[in-house]
Amino acid sequence: MVESNVVLDKIFAALADVTRRDILKRVSTAEHTISSLAQSYAMSLAAIAKHVSVLEKAGLITKHRSGKEKVLQIQPKTLKVAAAYLSEYEKIWSERFNALEKLLEDK
């Protein structure tokens, strides 16, 4: 699966921030609202909302209504895109390490 550079750039830019990775981890284990997430961080609700917006634009999370609140959900398909991209490099490096190991065994 080959994704456009724009899609991958958004995904990896979103994942580049430690707070966004932590938000993603929390949302992956349970649904949260922005206000419930904000209680776990030493930053404003607006700052958390901006982090959530970056994750949403990257397609890593979505919001849906549950009564009066908007609840965040993780989007595993987008994470699979990033994993597929990285697995291509894993294959390349595995082949290189295997070749090096074989070369060292032959000596």
N, C-alpha and C. Protein backbone atom coordinates (compact mmCIF):
# COMPACT_ATOMS: atom_id res chain seq x y z
N MET A 1 0.85 -1.17 0.00
CA MET A 1 0.00 0.00 0.00
C MET A 1 0.90 1.24 0.00
N VAL A 2 0.83 2.01 -1.05
CA VAL A 2 1.63 3.22 -1.15
C VAL A 2 0.72 4.42 -0.93
N GLU A 3 1.06 5.24 0.03
CA GLU A 3 0.29 6.43 0.33
C GLU A 3 1.05 7.65 -0.17
N SER A 4 0.33 8.73 -0.40
CA SER A 4 0.97 9.94 -0.87
C SER A 4 1.85 10.52 0.22
N ASN A 5 2.84 11.28 -0.19
CA ASN A 5 3.74 11.93 0.76
C ASN A 5 2.99 12.88 1.68
N VAL A 6 1.96 13.53 1.17
CA VAL A 6 1.18 14.47 1.98
C VAL A 6 0.52 13.75 3.15
N VAL A 7 -0.08 12.60 2.89
CA VAL A 7 -0.73 11.81 3.94
C VAL A 7 0.30 11.36 4.97
N LEU A 8 1.41 10.82 4.49
CA LEU A 8 2.45 10.36 5.41
C LEU A 8 3.04 11.51 6.20
N ASP A 9 3.24 12.66 5.56
CA ASP A 9 3.77 13.83 6.26
C ASP A 9 2.85 14.24 7.41
N LYS A 10 1.55 14.23 7.17
CA LYS A 10 0.60 14.60 8.23
C LYS A 10 0.63 13.59 9.37
N ILE A 11 0.69 12.33 9.03
CA ILE A 11 0.71 11.28 10.07
C ILE A 11 1.96 11.41 10.93
N PHE A 12 3.12 11.47 10.28
CA PHE A 12 4.37 11.49 11.04
C PHE A 12 4.58 12.83 11.75
N ALA A 13 4.08 13.91 11.20
CA ALA A 13 4.15 15.20 11.90
C ALA A 13 3.29 15.16 13.17
N ALA A 14 2.13 14.54 13.06
CA ALA A 14 1.26 14.41 14.24
C ALA A 14 1.91 13.53 15.30
N LEU A 15 2.57 12.47 14.87
CA LEU A 15 3.21 11.54 15.80
C LEU A 15 4.53 12.06 16.36
N ALA A 16 5.03 13.15 15.81
CA ALA A 16 6.33 13.69 16.24
C ALA A 16 6.29 14.34 17.62
N ASP A 17 5.10 14.65 18.10
CA ASP A 17 4.97 15.34 19.37
C ASP A 17 4.61 14.35 20.49
N VAL A 18 5.32 14.44 21.60
CA VAL A 18 5.11 13.51 22.71
C VAL A 18 3.70 13.62 23.31
N THR A 19 3.16 14.81 23.39
CA THR A 19 1.81 14.97 23.93
C THR A 19 0.78 14.32 23.02
N ARG A 20 0.93 14.50 21.71
CA ARG A 20 -0.01 13.88 20.77
C ARG A 20 0.09 12.36 20.81
N ARG A 21 1.32 11.84 20.94
CA ARG A 21 1.45 10.38 21.06
C ARG A 21 0.77 9.87 22.33
N ASP A 22 0.89 10.63 23.41
CA ASP A 22 0.25 10.24 24.65
C ASP A 22 -1.28 10.31 24.53
N ILE A 23 -1.77 11.35 23.88
CA ILE A 23 -3.22 11.46 23.65
C ILE A 23 -3.70 10.27 22.83
N LEU A 24 -2.96 9.94 21.80
CA LEU A 24 -3.33 8.81 20.95
C LEU A 24 -3.35 7.51 21.76
N LYS A 25 -2.37 7.35 22.63
CA LYS A 25 -2.32 6.16 23.48
C LYS A 25 -3.54 6.10 24.39
N ARG A 26 -3.91 7.22 24.99
CA ARG A 26 -5.07 7.26 25.88
C ARG A 26 -6.36 6.97 25.12
N VAL A 27 -6.50 7.55 23.94
CA VAL A 27 -7.71 7.35 23.14
C VAL A 27 -7.78 5.92 22.61
N SER A 28 -6.63 5.28 22.45
CA SER A 28 -6.63 3.90 21.95
C SER A 28 -7.16 2.91 22.99
N THR A 29 -7.08 3.29 24.26
CA THR A 29 -7.54 2.37 25.31
C THR A 29 -8.98 2.64 25.74
N ALA A 30 -9.45 3.88 25.53
CA ALA A 30 -10.82 4.24 25.92
C ALA A 30 -11.22 5.53 25.21
N GLU A 31 -12.50 5.71 25.01
CA GLU A 31 -12.98 6.95 24.42
C GLU A 31 -12.85 8.08 25.44
N HIS A 32 -12.49 9.26 24.96
CA HIS A 32 -12.32 10.44 25.81
C HIS A 32 -12.94 11.65 25.14
N THR A 33 -13.30 12.63 25.95
CA THR A 33 -13.64 13.96 25.43
C THR A 33 -12.38 14.81 25.58
N ILE A 34 -12.36 15.94 24.91
CA ILE A 34 -11.20 16.83 25.03
C ILE A 34 -11.06 17.30 26.48
N SER A 35 -12.17 17.62 27.12
CA SER A 35 -12.09 18.10 28.50
C SER A 35 -11.59 17.01 29.45
N SER A 36 -11.98 15.77 29.23
CA SER A 36 -11.47 14.69 30.10
C SER A 36 -9.98 14.47 29.86
N LEU A 37 -9.53 14.61 28.63
CA LEU A 37 -8.10 14.49 28.35
C LEU A 37 -7.31 15.62 29.00
N ALA A 38 -7.85 16.82 28.93
CA ALA A 38 -7.14 18.01 29.43
C ALA A 38 -6.83 17.90 30.91
N GLN A 39 -7.62 17.16 31.66
CA GLN A 39 -7.38 17.00 33.09
C GLN A 39 -6.06 16.28 33.39
N SER A 40 -5.57 15.52 32.42
CA SER A 40 -4.35 14.73 32.61
C SER A 40 -3.07 15.50 32.27
N TYR A 41 -3.20 16.73 31.79
CA TYR A 41 -2.03 17.47 31.32
C TYR A 41 -1.94 18.83 32.02
N ALA A 42 -0.72 19.30 32.14
CA ALA A 42 -0.48 20.62 32.74
C ALA A 42 -0.48 21.68 31.63
N MET A 43 -1.57 21.72 30.89
CA MET A 43 -1.73 22.72 29.83
C MET A 43 -3.21 23.04 29.70
N SER A 44 -3.48 24.10 28.97
CA SER A 44 -4.86 24.57 28.86
C SER A 44 -5.71 23.64 27.99
N LEU A 45 -7.01 23.78 28.15
CA LEU A 45 -7.96 23.05 27.32
C LEU A 45 -7.75 23.41 25.85
N ALA A 46 -7.47 24.68 25.58
CA ALA A 46 -7.23 25.12 24.20
C ALA A 46 -6.00 24.44 23.60
N ALA A 47 -4.97 24.25 24.39
CA ALA A 47 -3.76 23.59 23.90
C ALA A 47 -4.04 22.13 23.56
N ILE A 48 -4.79 21.47 24.43
CA ILE A 48 -5.16 20.08 24.16
C ILE A 48 -6.03 20.00 22.91
N ALA A 49 -6.95 20.94 22.77
CA ALA A 49 -7.82 20.98 21.58
C ALA A 49 -6.99 21.14 20.31
N LYS A 50 -5.93 21.92 20.36
CA LYS A 50 -5.05 22.08 19.19
C LYS A 50 -4.34 20.77 18.87
N HIS A 51 -3.86 20.07 19.91
CA HIS A 51 -3.22 18.77 19.68
C HIS A 51 -4.21 17.79 19.07
N VAL A 52 -5.42 17.78 19.58
CA VAL A 52 -6.46 16.90 19.06
C VAL A 52 -6.76 17.24 17.60
N SER A 53 -6.78 18.52 17.28
CA SER A 53 -7.02 18.97 15.91
C SER A 53 -5.96 18.44 14.95
N VAL A 54 -4.70 18.47 15.38
CA VAL A 54 -3.61 17.95 14.55
C VAL A 54 -3.80 16.45 14.32
N LEU A 55 -4.14 15.73 15.36
CA LEU A 55 -4.38 14.29 15.23
C LEU A 55 -5.58 14.00 14.33
N GLU A 56 -6.59 14.83 14.44
CA GLU A 56 -7.79 14.66 13.60
C GLU A 56 -7.48 14.95 12.13
N LYS A 57 -6.73 16.01 11.86
CA LYS A 57 -6.37 16.35 10.48
C LYS A 57 -5.50 15.27 9.86
N ALA A 58 -4.71 14.59 10.67
CA ALA A 58 -3.88 13.49 10.17
C ALA A 58 -4.68 12.21 10.00
N GLY A 59 -5.93 12.21 10.46
CA GLY A 59 -6.78 11.02 10.32
C GLY A 59 -6.53 9.98 11.38
N LEU A 60 -5.80 10.34 12.44
CA LEU A 60 -5.48 9.38 13.48
C LEU A 60 -6.62 9.21 14.49
N ILE A 61 -7.45 10.25 14.64
CA ILE A 61 -8.61 10.16 15.50
C ILE A 61 -9.80 10.84 14.82
N THR A 62 -10.98 10.51 15.28
CA THR A 62 -12.19 11.18 14.82
C THR A 62 -13.01 11.57 16.05
N LYS A 63 -13.94 12.50 15.83
CA LYS A 63 -14.87 12.91 16.88
C LYS A 63 -16.27 12.46 16.46
N HIS A 64 -17.03 12.03 17.45
CA HIS A 64 -18.45 11.75 17.20
C HIS A 64 -19.25 12.21 18.41
N ARG A 65 -20.48 12.54 18.17
CA ARG A 65 -21.35 13.04 19.25
C ARG A 65 -21.86 11.88 20.10
N SER A 66 -21.84 12.13 21.39
CA SER A 66 -22.45 11.22 22.35
C SER A 66 -23.20 12.11 23.33
N GLY A 67 -24.46 12.30 23.07
CA GLY A 67 -25.24 13.25 23.86
C GLY A 67 -24.79 14.67 23.55
N LYS A 68 -24.39 15.39 24.58
CA LYS A 68 -23.96 16.78 24.39
C LYS A 68 -22.46 16.88 24.11
N GLU A 69 -21.75 15.79 24.28
CA GLU A 69 -20.29 15.83 24.17
C GLU A 69 -19.80 15.23 22.86
N LYS A 70 -18.60 15.68 22.46
CA LYS A 70 -17.92 15.07 21.33
C LYS A 70 -16.86 14.13 21.89
N VAL A 71 -16.94 12.87 21.48
CA VAL A 71 -16.06 11.83 21.98
C VAL A 71 -15.03 11.51 20.91
N LEU A 72 -13.79 11.29 21.35
CA LEU A 72 -12.69 10.98 20.44
C LEU A 72 -12.53 9.47 20.31
N GLN A 73 -12.26 9.04 19.08
CA GLN A 73 -12.00 7.64 18.80
C GLN A 73 -10.76 7.53 17.94
N ILE A 74 -9.99 6.50 18.18
CA ILE A 74 -8.79 6.24 17.38
C ILE A 74 -9.20 5.66 16.02
N GLN A 75 -8.40 5.91 15.00
CA GLN A 75 -8.63 5.37 13.67
C GLN A 75 -7.48 4.44 13.30
N PRO A 76 -7.60 3.15 13.60
CA PRO A 76 -6.49 2.22 13.38
C PRO A 76 -6.03 2.10 11.93
N LYS A 77 -6.92 2.36 10.98
CA LYS A 77 -6.53 2.26 9.57
C LYS A 77 -5.39 3.23 9.24
N THR A 78 -5.43 4.40 9.85
CA THR A 78 -4.38 5.39 9.58
C THR A 78 -3.06 4.93 10.19
N LEU A 79 -3.11 4.32 11.35
CA LEU A 79 -1.89 3.79 11.96
C LEU A 79 -1.31 2.66 11.10
N LYS A 80 -2.18 1.91 10.45
CA LYS A 80 -1.72 0.84 9.56
C LYS A 80 -0.96 1.41 8.37
N VAL A 81 -1.36 2.58 7.90
CA VAL A 81 -0.66 3.24 6.80
C VAL A 81 0.78 3.54 7.21
N ALA A 82 0.94 4.09 8.40
CA ALA A 82 2.29 4.41 8.91
C ALA A 82 3.09 3.13 9.12
N ALA A 83 2.46 2.11 9.66
CA ALA A 83 3.15 0.84 9.90
C ALA A 83 3.58 0.18 8.59
N ALA A 84 2.74 0.26 7.57
CA ALA A 84 3.09 -0.32 6.27
C ALA A 84 4.29 0.40 5.66
N TYR A 85 4.31 1.71 5.80
CA TYR A 85 5.44 2.49 5.28
C TYR A 85 6.73 2.10 6.00
N LEU A 86 6.67 2.00 7.31
CA LEU A 86 7.86 1.65 8.08
C LEU A 86 8.30 0.21 7.84
N SER A 87 7.35 -0.67 7.57
CA SER A 87 7.71 -2.08 7.34
C SER A 87 8.53 -2.25 6.06
N GLU A 88 8.34 -1.35 5.09
CA GLU A 88 9.17 -1.40 3.89
C GLU A 88 10.64 -1.21 4.25
N TYR A 89 10.91 -0.27 5.15
CA TYR A 89 12.28 -0.02 5.58
C TYR A 89 12.80 -1.16 6.47
N GLU A 90 11.91 -1.74 7.25
CA GLU A 90 12.30 -2.88 8.08
C GLU A 90 12.78 -4.04 7.20
N LYS A 91 12.09 -4.28 6.10
CA LYS A 91 12.49 -5.35 5.18
C LYS A 91 13.87 -5.07 4.59
N ILE A 92 14.08 -3.84 4.17
CA ILE A 92 15.37 -3.47 3.57
C ILE A 92 16.50 -3.70 4.57
N TRP A 93 16.31 -3.21 5.81
CA TRP A 93 17.37 -3.34 6.81
C TRP A 93 17.55 -4.78 7.25
N SER A 94 16.49 -5.55 7.30
CA SER A 94 16.62 -6.97 7.65
C SER A 94 17.45 -7.70 6.61
N GLU A 95 17.20 -7.40 5.34
CA GLU A 95 17.98 -8.02 4.27
C GLU A 95 19.45 -7.62 4.37
N ARG A 96 19.72 -6.37 4.68
CA ARG A 96 21.10 -5.91 4.83
C ARG A 96 21.79 -6.58 6.01
N PHE A 97 21.10 -6.69 7.13
CA PHE A 97 21.68 -7.35 8.30
C PHE A 97 21.91 -8.83 8.03
N ASN A 98 20.99 -9.48 7.34
CA ASN A 98 21.17 -10.89 6.99
C ASN A 98 22.37 -11.07 6.08
N ALA A 99 22.54 -10.18 5.12
CA ALA A 99 23.70 -10.25 4.22
C ALA A 99 24.99 -10.04 4.99
N LEU A 100 25.00 -9.10 5.91
CA LEU A 100 26.18 -8.84 6.72
C LEU A 100 26.50 -10.05 7.60
N GLU A 101 25.47 -10.62 8.19
CA GLU A 101 25.66 -11.80 9.05
C GLU A 101 26.25 -12.95 8.24
N LYS A 102 25.74 -13.16 7.05
CA LYS A 102 26.25 -14.22 6.18
C LYS A 102 27.70 -13.96 5.81
N LEU A 103 28.00 -12.72 5.51
CA LEU A 103 29.38 -12.34 5.16
C LEU A 103 30.32 -12.62 6.34
N LEU A 104 29.90 -12.28 7.54
CA LEU A 104 30.73 -12.50 8.71
C LEU A 104 30.89 -13.99 9.03
N GLU A 105 29.85 -14.77 8.78
CA GLU A 105 29.93 -16.24 9.01
C GLU A 105 30.89 -16.89 8.03
N ASP A 106 30.97 -16.36 6.81
CA ASP A 106 31.82 -16.95 5.78
C ASP A 106 33.29 -16.70 6.03
N LYS A 107 33.60 -15.76 6.90
CA LYS A 107 35.02 -15.45 7.16
C LYS A 107 35.64 -16.36 8.14
